[in-house]
N, C-alpha and C. Protein backbone atom coordinates (compact mmCIF):
# COMPACT_ATOMS: atom_id res chain seq x y z
N MET A 1 -41.71 -5.42 -29.05
CA MET A 1 -40.70 -5.98 -28.15
C MET A 1 -40.32 -4.97 -27.07
N LYS A 2 -40.24 -3.68 -27.43
CA LYS A 2 -39.87 -2.67 -26.46
C LYS A 2 -40.93 -2.54 -25.38
N LEU A 3 -42.20 -2.62 -25.80
CA LEU A 3 -43.29 -2.50 -24.83
C LEU A 3 -43.31 -3.68 -23.88
N LEU A 4 -42.99 -4.86 -24.38
CA LEU A 4 -42.98 -6.05 -23.54
C LEU A 4 -41.83 -6.00 -22.54
N ALA A 5 -40.74 -5.33 -22.90
CA ALA A 5 -39.58 -5.29 -22.02
C ALA A 5 -39.76 -4.33 -20.86
N MET A 6 -40.62 -3.34 -20.99
CA MET A 6 -40.76 -2.32 -19.96
C MET A 6 -41.21 -2.86 -18.61
N PRO A 7 -42.22 -3.72 -18.53
CA PRO A 7 -42.62 -4.24 -17.22
C PRO A 7 -41.48 -4.96 -16.52
N ALA A 8 -40.66 -5.66 -17.29
CA ALA A 8 -39.54 -6.39 -16.68
C ALA A 8 -38.57 -5.42 -16.04
N VAL A 9 -38.30 -4.30 -16.73
CA VAL A 9 -37.40 -3.30 -16.17
C VAL A 9 -37.97 -2.70 -14.92
N VAL A 10 -39.28 -2.37 -14.97
CA VAL A 10 -39.95 -1.80 -13.80
C VAL A 10 -39.90 -2.78 -12.63
N THR A 11 -40.07 -4.08 -12.94
CA THR A 11 -40.03 -5.10 -11.90
C THR A 11 -38.66 -5.17 -11.25
N VAL A 12 -37.59 -5.09 -12.07
CA VAL A 12 -36.23 -5.13 -11.54
C VAL A 12 -35.98 -3.94 -10.63
N VAL A 13 -36.39 -2.74 -11.08
CA VAL A 13 -36.21 -1.54 -10.28
C VAL A 13 -36.94 -1.66 -8.96
N ALA A 14 -38.19 -2.15 -9.02
CA ALA A 14 -38.98 -2.31 -7.81
C ALA A 14 -38.34 -3.30 -6.85
N ALA A 15 -37.80 -4.39 -7.43
CA ALA A 15 -37.18 -5.43 -6.60
C ALA A 15 -35.94 -4.89 -5.90
N VAL A 16 -35.10 -4.15 -6.65
CA VAL A 16 -33.90 -3.57 -6.05
C VAL A 16 -34.27 -2.62 -4.93
N THR A 17 -35.29 -1.77 -5.19
CA THR A 17 -35.70 -0.79 -4.18
C THR A 17 -36.27 -1.49 -2.95
N ALA A 18 -37.07 -2.53 -3.16
CA ALA A 18 -37.71 -3.23 -2.05
C ALA A 18 -36.69 -3.98 -1.19
N VAL A 19 -35.75 -4.63 -1.84
CA VAL A 19 -34.78 -5.46 -1.11
C VAL A 19 -33.70 -4.64 -0.44
N THR A 20 -33.17 -3.61 -1.14
CA THR A 20 -32.03 -2.86 -0.62
C THR A 20 -32.38 -1.52 -0.01
N GLY A 21 -33.59 -1.01 -0.33
CA GLY A 21 -33.95 0.29 0.18
C GLY A 21 -33.27 1.43 -0.56
N MET A 22 -32.69 1.14 -1.73
CA MET A 22 -32.01 2.18 -2.50
C MET A 22 -32.51 2.15 -3.94
N SER A 23 -32.31 3.26 -4.63
CA SER A 23 -32.70 3.34 -6.02
C SER A 23 -31.77 2.47 -6.86
N LEU A 24 -32.17 2.17 -8.09
CA LEU A 24 -31.33 1.38 -8.97
C LEU A 24 -30.02 2.11 -9.25
N ALA A 25 -30.09 3.44 -9.43
CA ALA A 25 -28.88 4.23 -9.68
C ALA A 25 -27.94 4.13 -8.49
N HIS A 26 -28.50 4.19 -7.29
CA HIS A 26 -27.68 4.07 -6.08
C HIS A 26 -27.06 2.68 -6.00
N ALA A 27 -27.84 1.67 -6.36
CA ALA A 27 -27.34 0.30 -6.34
C ALA A 27 -26.19 0.12 -7.31
N GLU A 28 -26.31 0.76 -8.50
CA GLU A 28 -25.26 0.65 -9.49
C GLU A 28 -23.98 1.31 -9.01
N VAL A 29 -24.11 2.48 -8.37
CA VAL A 29 -22.94 3.18 -7.84
C VAL A 29 -22.27 2.34 -6.77
N THR A 30 -23.08 1.74 -5.88
CA THR A 30 -22.55 0.91 -4.82
C THR A 30 -21.78 -0.28 -5.38
N ALA A 31 -22.36 -0.88 -6.46
CA ALA A 31 -21.73 -2.06 -7.05
C ALA A 31 -20.40 -1.72 -7.70
N LYS A 32 -20.21 -0.43 -8.07
CA LYS A 32 -19.00 -0.04 -8.78
C LYS A 32 -17.93 0.54 -7.85
N VAL A 33 -18.10 0.41 -6.56
CA VAL A 33 -17.10 0.91 -5.61
C VAL A 33 -15.76 0.23 -5.88
N ASP A 34 -14.69 1.02 -5.98
CA ASP A 34 -13.36 0.50 -6.24
C ASP A 34 -12.84 -0.19 -4.98
N PRO A 35 -12.53 -1.50 -5.05
CA PRO A 35 -12.04 -2.23 -3.87
C PRO A 35 -10.77 -1.61 -3.29
N LEU A 36 -9.86 -1.14 -4.16
CA LEU A 36 -8.63 -0.52 -3.68
C LEU A 36 -8.94 0.74 -2.90
N ALA A 37 -9.80 1.59 -3.45
CA ALA A 37 -10.16 2.83 -2.77
C ALA A 37 -10.82 2.54 -1.43
N ALA A 38 -11.66 1.50 -1.41
CA ALA A 38 -12.35 1.15 -0.16
C ALA A 38 -11.35 0.69 0.90
N THR A 39 -10.37 -0.11 0.48
CA THR A 39 -9.36 -0.60 1.43
C THR A 39 -8.49 0.54 1.94
N LEU A 40 -8.12 1.46 1.06
CA LEU A 40 -7.30 2.59 1.47
C LEU A 40 -8.07 3.52 2.41
N THR A 41 -9.38 3.60 2.21
CA THR A 41 -10.21 4.39 3.13
C THR A 41 -10.20 3.77 4.51
N ARG A 42 -10.33 2.43 4.55
CA ARG A 42 -10.27 1.73 5.84
C ARG A 42 -8.91 1.90 6.49
N LEU A 43 -7.86 1.93 5.68
CA LEU A 43 -6.52 2.13 6.20
C LEU A 43 -6.39 3.51 6.84
N GLY A 44 -6.91 4.53 6.16
CA GLY A 44 -6.86 5.88 6.69
C GLY A 44 -7.63 6.01 7.99
N GLU A 45 -8.76 5.32 8.07
CA GLU A 45 -9.56 5.36 9.30
C GLU A 45 -8.83 4.67 10.45
N ALA A 46 -8.21 3.53 10.16
CA ALA A 46 -7.48 2.78 11.20
C ALA A 46 -6.26 3.56 11.66
N ALA A 47 -5.64 4.32 10.75
CA ALA A 47 -4.47 5.12 11.11
C ALA A 47 -4.87 6.42 11.80
N ASN A 48 -6.18 6.69 11.84
CA ASN A 48 -6.70 7.89 12.50
C ASN A 48 -6.02 9.14 11.94
N CYS A 49 -6.13 9.30 10.63
CA CYS A 49 -5.40 10.37 9.94
C CYS A 49 -5.85 11.78 10.30
N THR A 50 -7.01 11.91 10.95
CA THR A 50 -7.46 13.24 11.37
C THR A 50 -6.75 13.69 12.64
N ASP A 51 -6.04 12.76 13.28
CA ASP A 51 -5.32 13.07 14.52
C ASP A 51 -3.83 13.15 14.23
N LYS A 52 -3.26 14.35 14.31
CA LYS A 52 -1.84 14.54 14.00
C LYS A 52 -0.93 13.81 14.97
N ALA A 53 -1.47 13.43 16.13
CA ALA A 53 -0.67 12.74 17.13
C ALA A 53 -0.83 11.22 17.06
N SER A 54 -1.57 10.74 16.08
CA SER A 54 -1.81 9.30 15.97
C SER A 54 -0.50 8.54 15.78
N PRO A 55 -0.26 7.50 16.57
CA PRO A 55 0.98 6.72 16.41
C PRO A 55 1.04 5.97 15.08
N GLN A 56 -0.12 5.79 14.45
CA GLN A 56 -0.16 5.08 13.16
C GLN A 56 -0.19 6.04 11.98
N ARG A 57 0.10 7.30 12.23
CA ARG A 57 0.02 8.31 11.18
C ARG A 57 0.87 8.03 9.93
N PRO A 58 2.02 7.34 10.05
CA PRO A 58 2.78 7.04 8.82
C PRO A 58 1.95 6.34 7.74
N TRP A 59 0.94 5.56 8.16
CA TRP A 59 0.14 4.82 7.18
C TRP A 59 -0.81 5.72 6.42
N CYS A 60 -0.94 6.97 6.85
CA CYS A 60 -1.75 7.93 6.09
C CYS A 60 -1.09 8.21 4.75
N ILE A 61 0.22 8.01 4.69
CA ILE A 61 0.95 8.18 3.42
C ILE A 61 0.43 7.16 2.41
N ALA A 62 0.29 5.90 2.85
CA ALA A 62 -0.22 4.85 1.96
C ALA A 62 -1.68 5.10 1.60
N ALA A 63 -2.45 5.61 2.57
CA ALA A 63 -3.87 5.89 2.32
C ALA A 63 -4.03 6.95 1.22
N GLY A 64 -2.99 7.76 1.00
CA GLY A 64 -3.04 8.79 -0.03
C GLY A 64 -2.51 8.34 -1.38
N PHE A 65 -2.42 7.04 -1.59
CA PHE A 65 -1.89 6.49 -2.84
C PHE A 65 -2.61 7.07 -4.07
N GLY A 66 -3.90 7.25 -3.97
CA GLY A 66 -4.68 7.75 -5.10
C GLY A 66 -4.29 9.16 -5.52
N LYS A 67 -3.67 9.91 -4.63
CA LYS A 67 -3.26 11.28 -4.93
C LYS A 67 -1.81 11.35 -5.40
N GLY A 68 -1.13 10.20 -5.43
CA GLY A 68 0.28 10.18 -5.81
C GLY A 68 0.48 10.23 -7.32
N ALA A 69 1.75 10.25 -7.71
CA ALA A 69 2.11 10.29 -9.13
C ALA A 69 3.34 9.42 -9.37
N ALA A 70 3.53 9.02 -10.62
CA ALA A 70 4.66 8.14 -10.94
C ALA A 70 5.99 8.85 -10.68
N GLY A 71 6.10 10.07 -11.17
CA GLY A 71 7.36 10.79 -10.99
C GLY A 71 8.51 10.05 -11.67
N THR A 72 9.69 10.27 -11.15
CA THR A 72 10.90 9.61 -11.67
C THR A 72 11.25 8.42 -10.79
N LEU A 73 11.62 7.32 -11.41
CA LEU A 73 12.02 6.15 -10.64
C LEU A 73 13.26 6.49 -9.82
N PRO A 74 13.24 6.24 -8.51
CA PRO A 74 14.39 6.59 -7.66
C PRO A 74 15.68 5.92 -8.15
N LYS A 75 16.81 6.55 -7.81
CA LYS A 75 18.11 6.05 -8.24
C LYS A 75 18.78 5.16 -7.20
N LYS A 76 18.18 5.06 -6.02
CA LYS A 76 18.77 4.25 -4.95
C LYS A 76 17.69 3.40 -4.31
N ALA A 77 18.12 2.43 -3.52
CA ALA A 77 17.18 1.55 -2.82
C ALA A 77 16.33 2.37 -1.85
N LEU A 78 15.11 1.91 -1.63
CA LEU A 78 14.20 2.54 -0.68
C LEU A 78 13.98 1.58 0.49
N VAL A 79 13.75 2.13 1.66
CA VAL A 79 13.46 1.29 2.82
C VAL A 79 12.18 1.77 3.48
N GLY A 80 11.54 0.86 4.21
CA GLY A 80 10.31 1.26 4.88
C GLY A 80 9.59 0.10 5.52
N MET A 81 8.26 0.16 5.47
CA MET A 81 7.43 -0.83 6.16
C MET A 81 6.28 -1.28 5.27
N THR A 82 5.87 -2.52 5.45
CA THR A 82 4.76 -3.06 4.68
C THR A 82 3.78 -3.73 5.61
N VAL A 83 2.50 -3.78 5.19
CA VAL A 83 1.47 -4.44 5.98
C VAL A 83 0.49 -5.11 5.03
N GLU A 84 0.02 -6.28 5.42
CA GLU A 84 -0.99 -6.99 4.63
C GLU A 84 -2.37 -6.57 5.11
N LEU A 85 -3.21 -6.15 4.18
CA LEU A 85 -4.57 -5.74 4.50
C LEU A 85 -5.53 -6.74 3.88
N GLU A 86 -5.95 -7.71 4.67
CA GLU A 86 -6.84 -8.75 4.18
C GLU A 86 -8.28 -8.29 4.24
N ASP A 87 -9.05 -8.64 3.22
CA ASP A 87 -10.46 -8.30 3.20
C ASP A 87 -11.16 -8.89 4.42
N GLY A 88 -11.94 -8.07 5.09
CA GLY A 88 -12.72 -8.57 6.23
C GLY A 88 -11.95 -8.65 7.53
N LYS A 89 -10.65 -8.36 7.51
CA LYS A 89 -9.85 -8.43 8.74
C LYS A 89 -9.69 -7.03 9.35
N ASP A 90 -9.38 -7.00 10.64
CA ASP A 90 -9.23 -5.75 11.37
C ASP A 90 -7.94 -5.03 10.94
N VAL A 91 -8.08 -3.87 10.31
CA VAL A 91 -6.92 -3.13 9.81
C VAL A 91 -6.08 -2.60 10.97
N ALA A 92 -6.73 -2.10 12.01
CA ALA A 92 -6.00 -1.58 13.16
C ALA A 92 -5.12 -2.65 13.79
N ASP A 93 -5.63 -3.86 13.86
CA ASP A 93 -4.85 -4.97 14.40
C ASP A 93 -3.65 -5.27 13.51
N ALA A 94 -3.85 -5.21 12.20
CA ALA A 94 -2.74 -5.45 11.26
C ALA A 94 -1.64 -4.40 11.43
N LEU A 95 -2.02 -3.15 11.63
CA LEU A 95 -1.04 -2.09 11.78
C LEU A 95 -0.24 -2.24 13.08
N THR A 96 -0.85 -2.89 14.05
CA THR A 96 -0.18 -3.09 15.33
C THR A 96 0.68 -4.34 15.35
N ASN A 97 0.21 -5.39 14.70
CA ASN A 97 0.86 -6.70 14.84
C ASN A 97 1.45 -7.31 13.58
N SER A 98 1.23 -6.71 12.42
CA SER A 98 1.65 -7.39 11.18
C SER A 98 2.50 -6.51 10.26
N VAL A 99 3.28 -5.61 10.84
CA VAL A 99 4.12 -4.72 10.04
C VAL A 99 5.52 -5.33 9.89
N THR A 100 6.04 -5.30 8.68
CA THR A 100 7.36 -5.88 8.39
C THR A 100 8.27 -4.83 7.76
N PHE A 101 9.55 -4.83 8.14
CA PHE A 101 10.52 -3.93 7.53
C PHE A 101 10.87 -4.46 6.14
N VAL A 102 10.97 -3.56 5.16
CA VAL A 102 11.24 -3.98 3.78
C VAL A 102 12.24 -3.04 3.12
N ALA A 103 12.80 -3.52 2.01
CA ALA A 103 13.68 -2.69 1.18
C ALA A 103 13.35 -2.96 -0.28
N LEU A 104 13.31 -1.90 -1.07
CA LEU A 104 13.08 -2.02 -2.51
C LEU A 104 14.39 -1.78 -3.24
N ALA A 105 14.94 -2.84 -3.82
CA ALA A 105 16.16 -2.71 -4.62
C ALA A 105 15.80 -2.10 -5.97
N ILE A 106 16.60 -1.18 -6.44
CA ILE A 106 16.38 -0.54 -7.73
C ILE A 106 17.70 -0.53 -8.50
N ASP A 107 17.76 -1.28 -9.59
CA ASP A 107 18.98 -1.35 -10.39
C ASP A 107 19.05 -0.20 -11.39
N LYS A 108 20.22 0.02 -11.97
CA LYS A 108 20.41 1.09 -12.94
C LYS A 108 19.54 0.89 -14.18
N ASP A 109 19.23 -0.37 -14.50
CA ASP A 109 18.41 -0.65 -15.68
C ASP A 109 16.91 -0.58 -15.38
N GLY A 110 16.56 -0.18 -14.16
CA GLY A 110 15.15 -0.03 -13.81
C GLY A 110 14.49 -1.25 -13.21
N LYS A 111 15.23 -2.35 -13.08
CA LYS A 111 14.65 -3.54 -12.47
C LYS A 111 14.55 -3.35 -10.95
N VAL A 112 13.48 -3.90 -10.38
CA VAL A 112 13.25 -3.71 -8.94
C VAL A 112 12.89 -5.04 -8.28
N LYS A 113 13.01 -5.06 -6.96
CA LYS A 113 12.54 -6.20 -6.18
C LYS A 113 12.34 -5.75 -4.73
N LEU A 114 11.16 -6.04 -4.20
CA LEU A 114 10.85 -5.71 -2.82
C LEU A 114 11.17 -6.92 -1.95
N THR A 115 11.96 -6.71 -0.90
CA THR A 115 12.39 -7.79 -0.02
C THR A 115 11.91 -7.55 1.41
N ASP A 116 11.22 -8.54 1.97
CA ASP A 116 10.86 -8.49 3.39
C ASP A 116 12.10 -8.84 4.19
N ILE A 117 12.41 -8.05 5.20
CA ILE A 117 13.57 -8.33 6.04
C ILE A 117 13.08 -8.75 7.41
N LYS A 118 13.03 -10.06 7.60
CA LYS A 118 12.50 -10.60 8.84
C LYS A 118 13.63 -11.15 9.71
N PRO A 119 13.57 -10.94 11.00
CA PRO A 119 14.64 -11.41 11.90
C PRO A 119 14.66 -12.93 12.01
N SER A 120 15.87 -13.48 12.13
CA SER A 120 16.02 -14.93 12.29
C SER A 120 16.48 -15.29 13.70
N GLY A 121 16.64 -14.27 14.55
CA GLY A 121 17.08 -14.52 15.92
C GLY A 121 16.94 -13.25 16.74
N PRO A 122 17.21 -13.31 18.04
CA PRO A 122 17.07 -12.16 18.93
C PRO A 122 17.86 -10.93 18.48
N GLU A 123 19.09 -11.14 18.03
CA GLU A 123 19.92 -10.02 17.61
C GLU A 123 19.36 -9.37 16.36
N ASP A 124 18.90 -10.20 15.42
CA ASP A 124 18.28 -9.68 14.20
C ASP A 124 17.00 -8.92 14.54
N ALA A 125 16.24 -9.44 15.48
CA ALA A 125 14.98 -8.82 15.88
C ALA A 125 15.24 -7.41 16.42
N ARG A 126 16.29 -7.28 17.21
CA ARG A 126 16.64 -5.97 17.75
C ARG A 126 17.03 -5.01 16.63
N SER A 127 17.80 -5.49 15.68
CA SER A 127 18.25 -4.67 14.57
C SER A 127 17.08 -4.22 13.70
N VAL A 128 16.19 -5.15 13.39
CA VAL A 128 15.03 -4.82 12.56
C VAL A 128 14.10 -3.87 13.31
N GLY A 129 13.95 -4.08 14.61
CA GLY A 129 13.11 -3.20 15.41
C GLY A 129 13.64 -1.77 15.40
N GLU A 130 14.95 -1.62 15.47
CA GLU A 130 15.57 -0.30 15.41
C GLU A 130 15.35 0.34 14.04
N ALA A 131 15.39 -0.48 13.01
CA ALA A 131 15.19 0.03 11.65
C ALA A 131 13.76 0.52 11.45
N VAL A 132 12.80 -0.23 11.96
CA VAL A 132 11.39 0.16 11.86
C VAL A 132 11.17 1.48 12.59
N ALA A 133 11.74 1.58 13.79
CA ALA A 133 11.59 2.81 14.59
C ALA A 133 12.23 4.00 13.87
N ALA A 134 13.40 3.79 13.27
CA ALA A 134 14.10 4.87 12.56
C ALA A 134 13.30 5.34 11.35
N ALA A 135 12.74 4.37 10.60
CA ALA A 135 11.93 4.73 9.43
C ALA A 135 10.67 5.46 9.85
N ALA A 136 10.03 5.00 10.92
CA ALA A 136 8.80 5.63 11.41
C ALA A 136 9.04 7.09 11.77
N MET A 137 10.19 7.40 12.35
CA MET A 137 10.52 8.78 12.71
C MET A 137 10.60 9.67 11.47
N VAL A 138 11.12 9.11 10.38
CA VAL A 138 11.19 9.86 9.12
C VAL A 138 9.79 10.08 8.56
N PHE A 139 8.98 9.03 8.57
CA PHE A 139 7.61 9.14 8.04
C PHE A 139 6.77 10.12 8.86
N LYS A 140 7.10 10.28 10.13
CA LYS A 140 6.38 11.23 10.99
C LYS A 140 6.98 12.63 10.94
N ASP A 141 8.01 12.81 10.09
CA ASP A 141 8.71 14.09 9.97
C ASP A 141 9.39 14.51 11.27
N LYS A 142 9.82 13.54 12.05
CA LYS A 142 10.53 13.82 13.29
C LYS A 142 12.03 13.57 13.15
N ALA A 143 12.42 13.11 11.97
CA ALA A 143 13.84 12.90 11.65
C ALA A 143 14.01 13.07 10.15
N LYS A 144 15.17 13.55 9.72
CA LYS A 144 15.42 13.75 8.30
C LYS A 144 15.95 12.49 7.63
N THR A 145 16.62 11.66 8.43
CA THR A 145 17.24 10.45 7.87
C THR A 145 17.01 9.26 8.80
N ALA A 146 16.71 8.11 8.22
CA ALA A 146 16.58 6.87 9.00
C ALA A 146 17.95 6.23 9.09
N LYS A 147 18.54 6.26 10.27
CA LYS A 147 19.86 5.68 10.45
C LYS A 147 19.71 4.21 10.86
N LEU A 148 19.97 3.34 9.91
CA LEU A 148 19.81 1.90 10.14
C LEU A 148 21.03 1.33 10.84
N PRO A 149 20.84 0.24 11.58
CA PRO A 149 22.01 -0.47 12.13
C PRO A 149 22.94 -0.82 10.97
N LYS A 150 24.25 -0.70 11.18
CA LYS A 150 25.22 -0.86 10.10
C LYS A 150 25.06 -2.16 9.31
N GLU A 151 24.88 -3.28 10.04
CA GLU A 151 24.78 -4.56 9.33
C GLU A 151 23.54 -4.61 8.43
N LEU A 152 22.49 -3.94 8.86
CA LEU A 152 21.26 -3.92 8.06
C LEU A 152 21.43 -2.98 6.86
N SER A 153 22.05 -1.85 7.09
CA SER A 153 22.31 -0.91 6.01
C SER A 153 23.20 -1.55 4.94
N ASP A 154 24.21 -2.27 5.38
CA ASP A 154 25.11 -2.95 4.45
C ASP A 154 24.37 -4.02 3.66
N PHE A 155 23.45 -4.72 4.33
CA PHE A 155 22.68 -5.77 3.66
C PHE A 155 21.79 -5.18 2.57
N VAL A 156 21.11 -4.09 2.88
CA VAL A 156 20.22 -3.45 1.90
C VAL A 156 21.00 -3.07 0.64
N LYS A 157 22.22 -2.61 0.82
CA LYS A 157 23.03 -2.18 -0.32
C LYS A 157 23.43 -3.33 -1.23
N THR A 158 23.29 -4.57 -0.76
CA THR A 158 23.64 -5.73 -1.59
C THR A 158 22.46 -6.24 -2.42
N LEU A 159 21.26 -5.78 -2.12
CA LEU A 159 20.06 -6.28 -2.79
C LEU A 159 20.03 -5.87 -4.26
N LYS A 160 19.50 -6.76 -5.08
CA LYS A 160 19.43 -6.52 -6.52
C LYS A 160 17.98 -6.60 -7.01
N GLY A 161 17.71 -5.86 -8.08
CA GLY A 161 16.39 -5.91 -8.70
C GLY A 161 16.21 -7.18 -9.52
N ALA A 162 14.95 -7.50 -9.82
CA ALA A 162 14.68 -8.71 -10.59
C ALA A 162 13.57 -8.52 -11.63
N TYR A 163 12.71 -7.53 -11.42
CA TYR A 163 11.54 -7.37 -12.28
C TYR A 163 11.59 -6.05 -13.05
N ALA A 164 11.40 -6.15 -14.35
CA ALA A 164 11.42 -4.96 -15.20
C ALA A 164 10.21 -4.08 -14.91
N THR A 165 10.44 -2.77 -14.92
CA THR A 165 9.37 -1.82 -14.64
C THR A 165 8.94 -1.09 -15.92
N LYS A 166 7.72 -0.58 -15.87
CA LYS A 166 7.25 0.29 -16.93
C LYS A 166 6.32 1.34 -16.32
N LYS A 167 6.25 2.48 -16.99
CA LYS A 167 5.43 3.58 -16.50
C LYS A 167 4.05 3.48 -17.12
N ALA A 168 3.03 3.29 -16.29
CA ALA A 168 1.66 3.14 -16.79
C ALA A 168 0.67 3.53 -15.71
N SER A 169 -0.46 4.11 -16.13
CA SER A 169 -1.52 4.49 -15.19
C SER A 169 -1.00 5.34 -14.04
N ASN A 170 -0.14 6.30 -14.39
CA ASN A 170 0.41 7.24 -13.41
C ASN A 170 1.15 6.54 -12.28
N ALA A 171 1.86 5.46 -12.62
CA ALA A 171 2.62 4.70 -11.63
C ALA A 171 3.71 3.90 -12.33
N TRP A 172 4.70 3.48 -11.57
CA TRP A 172 5.68 2.50 -12.05
C TRP A 172 5.13 1.13 -11.71
N THR A 173 5.03 0.26 -12.70
CA THR A 173 4.40 -1.04 -12.49
C THR A 173 5.35 -2.18 -12.82
N TRP A 174 5.13 -3.30 -12.17
CA TRP A 174 5.87 -4.53 -12.48
C TRP A 174 5.07 -5.70 -11.93
N THR A 175 5.40 -6.87 -12.42
CA THR A 175 4.73 -8.08 -11.96
C THR A 175 5.77 -9.10 -11.52
N GLY A 176 5.73 -9.45 -10.25
CA GLY A 176 6.58 -10.49 -9.70
C GLY A 176 5.66 -11.57 -9.16
N LYS A 177 5.68 -11.75 -7.85
CA LYS A 177 4.75 -12.68 -7.23
C LYS A 177 3.34 -12.08 -7.23
N SER A 178 3.26 -10.78 -7.40
CA SER A 178 1.98 -10.09 -7.48
C SER A 178 2.14 -8.84 -8.34
N ALA A 179 1.02 -8.30 -8.79
CA ALA A 179 1.05 -7.07 -9.58
C ALA A 179 1.31 -5.90 -8.64
N SER A 180 2.30 -5.07 -8.96
CA SER A 180 2.70 -3.98 -8.07
C SER A 180 2.69 -2.64 -8.78
N ARG A 181 2.34 -1.60 -8.00
CA ARG A 181 2.36 -0.23 -8.50
C ARG A 181 3.08 0.66 -7.50
N LEU A 182 3.97 1.50 -7.99
CA LEU A 182 4.73 2.42 -7.15
C LEU A 182 4.40 3.86 -7.54
N ARG A 183 4.03 4.65 -6.55
CA ARG A 183 3.79 6.07 -6.77
C ARG A 183 4.52 6.89 -5.71
N LYS A 184 4.87 8.11 -6.07
CA LYS A 184 5.43 9.03 -5.10
C LYS A 184 4.28 9.82 -4.50
N VAL A 185 4.20 9.81 -3.17
CA VAL A 185 3.16 10.53 -2.45
C VAL A 185 3.86 11.54 -1.55
N GLY A 186 3.81 12.81 -1.94
CA GLY A 186 4.59 13.81 -1.22
C GLY A 186 6.07 13.54 -1.45
N LYS A 187 6.84 13.44 -0.38
CA LYS A 187 8.27 13.14 -0.52
C LYS A 187 8.57 11.67 -0.28
N PHE A 188 7.53 10.87 -0.09
CA PHE A 188 7.71 9.44 0.16
C PHE A 188 7.19 8.62 -1.02
N TYR A 189 7.29 7.30 -0.88
CA TYR A 189 6.86 6.39 -1.94
C TYR A 189 5.91 5.34 -1.37
N VAL A 190 4.96 4.92 -2.20
CA VAL A 190 3.98 3.91 -1.78
C VAL A 190 3.89 2.82 -2.85
N ILE A 191 3.92 1.58 -2.40
CA ILE A 191 3.70 0.44 -3.30
C ILE A 191 2.40 -0.24 -2.88
N ILE A 192 1.57 -0.53 -3.86
CA ILE A 192 0.38 -1.34 -3.63
C ILE A 192 0.55 -2.63 -4.42
N GLU A 193 0.51 -3.75 -3.70
CA GLU A 193 0.63 -5.07 -4.34
C GLU A 193 -0.72 -5.77 -4.24
N GLN A 194 -1.20 -6.26 -5.36
CA GLN A 194 -2.47 -6.98 -5.40
C GLN A 194 -2.26 -8.36 -6.02
N PRO A 195 -2.15 -9.40 -5.18
CA PRO A 195 -1.96 -10.76 -5.67
C PRO A 195 -3.13 -11.22 -6.54
N GLU A 196 -2.82 -12.03 -7.56
CA GLU A 196 -3.88 -12.56 -8.41
C GLU A 196 -4.80 -13.48 -7.62
N SER A 197 -4.22 -14.25 -6.71
CA SER A 197 -5.02 -15.12 -5.86
C SER A 197 -4.91 -14.59 -4.44
N GLY A 198 -6.01 -14.51 -3.76
CA GLY A 198 -5.98 -13.97 -2.41
C GLY A 198 -7.02 -12.88 -2.26
N ASN A 199 -7.28 -12.49 -1.04
CA ASN A 199 -8.28 -11.47 -0.80
C ASN A 199 -7.66 -10.32 0.00
N GLY A 200 -7.37 -9.25 -0.71
CA GLY A 200 -6.77 -8.11 -0.06
C GLY A 200 -5.56 -7.60 -0.82
N LEU A 201 -4.72 -6.87 -0.13
CA LEU A 201 -3.54 -6.29 -0.77
C LEU A 201 -2.46 -6.01 0.27
N TRP A 202 -1.28 -5.67 -0.25
CA TRP A 202 -0.17 -5.26 0.60
C TRP A 202 0.07 -3.78 0.35
N ALA A 203 0.19 -3.00 1.42
CA ALA A 203 0.51 -1.58 1.32
C ALA A 203 1.89 -1.35 1.92
N THR A 204 2.73 -0.64 1.19
CA THR A 204 4.11 -0.41 1.62
C THR A 204 4.45 1.06 1.54
N ILE A 205 5.06 1.61 2.60
CA ILE A 205 5.52 2.99 2.60
C ILE A 205 7.04 2.98 2.63
N LEU A 206 7.67 3.85 1.81
CA LEU A 206 9.12 3.81 1.62
C LEU A 206 9.73 5.21 1.60
N THR A 207 11.01 5.27 1.93
CA THR A 207 11.75 6.52 1.87
C THR A 207 13.14 6.26 1.27
N ASP A 208 13.67 7.30 0.63
CA ASP A 208 15.06 7.20 0.15
C ASP A 208 16.00 7.92 1.11
N ALA A 209 15.45 8.44 2.22
CA ALA A 209 16.26 9.16 3.21
C ALA A 209 16.74 8.20 4.29
N TRP A 210 17.75 7.41 3.95
CA TRP A 210 18.28 6.45 4.91
C TRP A 210 19.79 6.30 4.71
N GLU A 211 20.43 5.78 5.73
CA GLU A 211 21.86 5.53 5.61
C GLU A 211 22.24 4.38 6.55
């Protein structure tokens, strides 16, 4: 039986090499590429992380999710920005046109909830725009604190957690509308959300330096 199986294996190897131009070992490595790692690599490229002057440099924080650690769950709400990274879509375009201001509520019992804060009118749009700009300055290390418009700061303080967290796989994890992981990357925080249905993920960068 072993002798009969050998030609079949040789045939498979030959077929892989002929069709793809790569060895079977190379094909296996390619097939095992981590989708999350691949998306974060594309994010880093779109943010132009090799350029310290890149306007999208804050997203390099999210691109470094793999180097982060769970650390201690923060004691206060976090604020920042989130972007949807759909498979096959232009990441640079998403960073320019699809960024939303968010806040992560964290209760004393460890329950959390991430809330998108979207404007409902011109005045709200101005307030949210100011908040995004203030957070971006902190992520770029050009400001120590993100000073939010008072009404927005007051609103964030009213938010409550809803999903229980647990420490696993070097991250704080929870499941709400999607499976989420929170890690501390440097002095900031990153959430990666991967919906069960859908193609892609949400990347969120957060700071506790706000008022």
